[in-house]
Each structure stands twice: as structure tokens, then as C-alpha cells.
Amino acid sequence: MRRMSTLVVTAAMAAGVVFTALPAQSAVASGITCNVAEMHQQITRLRDRANSQDRSGDHSGARNTRAEADALQRRMQWCIDADDNV
């Protein structure tokens, strides 16, 4: 059983690496562009909503909304970095 779970974990990790690499390659190949200003507005709206959720007592919802804003922030930074490196 232990060998099977190790095999499953190894396969999942390998698949994660492959899936992680695919969007970067397809983004370069297809020339995807990012609207940084729009992403920044979305981040601001998400952070405002998280603050509102905190004030209303929905702390887990606020945490999820902040996580979404953080993910969008990272994606926006990747777009900025990609533009700087091209």
C-alpha cells in the first residue's frame, strides 16, 4: 500500500509540474496579453469586499476573498514581469 501511495504522489507531482509549465508555454506561443489596470481594479474591489466581510463577521469568507485577491495580485505581477522581460 505504501508503494502505491508513493507512486500516486510522484505521479501527481509530475503532473503538477507539467500543468504548471503548460500555461507559460501556451501564453508565450499565443501571445496572451494582460490588462493590468483592470486587474488592479479587480484586486481593489476584492480587498474592499474582504474588508466588508470582516466587518460583518464573515471572517472565513474574508480570508477566501483575500486569497483570491492575492492570487490575482501574483498573476498581475507575472504579467508585469513578462512585459519587462520581453
Protein backbone atom coordinates (compact mmCIF):
# COMPACT_ATOMS: atom_id res chain seq x y z
CA MET A 1 0.00 0.00 0.00
CA ARG A 2 2.83 2.38 0.81
CA ARG A 3 4.43 1.83 -2.59
CA MET A 4 1.11 2.63 -4.27
CA SER A 5 0.67 5.90 -2.39
CA THR A 6 4.25 6.93 -3.17
CA LEU A 7 3.60 6.20 -6.83
CA VAL A 8 0.39 8.26 -6.74
CA VAL A 9 2.13 11.20 -5.04
CA THR A 10 5.01 11.04 -7.52
CA ALA A 11 2.61 10.98 -10.46
CA ALA A 12 0.62 13.89 -9.04
CA MET A 13 3.77 15.93 -8.50
CA ALA A 14 4.93 15.19 -12.04
CA ALA A 15 1.53 16.16 -13.43
CA GLY A 16 1.63 19.38 -11.42
CA VAL A 17 4.97 20.28 -12.94
CA VAL A 18 3.65 19.55 -16.42
CA PHE A 19 0.44 21.53 -15.85
CA THR A 20 2.40 24.39 -14.32
CA ALA A 21 4.68 24.53 -17.35
CA LEU A 22 1.91 24.37 -19.94
CA PRO A 23 0.25 27.77 -19.36
CA ALA A 24 3.59 29.56 -19.59
CA GLN A 25 4.38 27.89 -22.89
CA SER A 26 0.93 28.48 -24.31
CA ALA A 27 0.97 32.09 -23.11
CA VAL A 28 4.20 32.69 -24.99
CA ALA A 29 3.00 30.84 -28.07
CA SER A 30 -0.39 32.51 -28.31
CA GLY A 31 0.66 36.00 -27.20
CA ILE A 32 -1.80 36.41 -24.33
CA THR A 33 -1.98 39.97 -23.07
CA CYS A 34 -2.97 41.15 -19.61
CA ASN A 35 -4.97 44.24 -18.79
CA VAL A 36 -3.00 45.35 -15.72
CA ALA A 37 -5.27 48.32 -14.98
CA GLU A 38 -8.36 46.11 -14.97
CA MET A 39 -6.63 43.51 -12.81
CA HIS A 40 -5.64 46.23 -10.35
CA GLN A 41 -9.28 47.40 -10.14
CA GLN A 42 -10.43 43.82 -9.51
CA ILE A 43 -7.85 43.43 -6.74
CA THR A 44 -9.07 46.66 -5.12
CA ARG A 45 -12.71 45.51 -5.33
CA LEU A 46 -11.83 42.12 -3.83
CA ARG A 47 -9.89 43.70 -0.95
CA ASP A 48 -12.78 46.11 -0.28
CA ARG A 49 -15.22 43.18 -0.26
CA ALA A 50 -12.94 41.26 2.13
CA ASN A 51 -12.86 44.24 4.50
CA SER A 52 -16.66 44.45 4.34
CA GLN A 53 -16.95 40.73 5.07
CA ASP A 54 -14.63 41.14 8.06
CA ARG A 55 -16.76 43.98 9.42
CA SER A 56 -19.91 41.90 9.05
CA GLY A 57 -18.32 38.98 10.90
CA ASP A 58 -17.73 36.65 7.95
CA HIS A 59 -14.06 36.07 8.70
CA SER A 60 -13.66 32.85 6.69
CA GLY A 61 -15.29 34.50 3.66
CA ALA A 62 -12.95 37.46 4.08
CA ARG A 63 -9.97 35.11 4.22
CA ASN A 64 -11.10 33.40 1.00
CA THR A 65 -11.67 36.73 -0.74
CA ARG A 66 -8.22 37.94 0.32
CA ALA A 67 -6.70 34.71 -1.01
CA GLU A 68 -8.42 35.36 -4.34
CA ALA A 69 -7.08 38.93 -4.36
CA ASP A 70 -3.58 37.67 -3.53
CA ALA A 71 -3.72 35.16 -6.39
CA LEU A 72 -4.83 37.87 -8.80
CA GLN A 73 -2.04 40.12 -7.47
CA ARG A 74 0.53 37.40 -8.25
CA ARG A 75 -0.93 36.90 -11.72
CA MET A 76 -0.77 40.64 -12.36
CA GLN A 77 2.85 40.72 -11.21
CA TRP A 78 3.66 37.84 -13.57
CA CYS A 79 2.15 39.85 -16.43
CA ILE A 80 4.20 42.91 -15.47
CA ASP A 81 7.38 40.84 -15.19
CA ALA A 82 6.70 39.14 -18.53
CA ASP A 83 6.26 42.54 -20.21
CA ASP A 84 9.51 43.77 -18.65
CA ASN A 85 11.43 40.71 -19.87
CA VAL A 86 10.21 40.82 -23.47
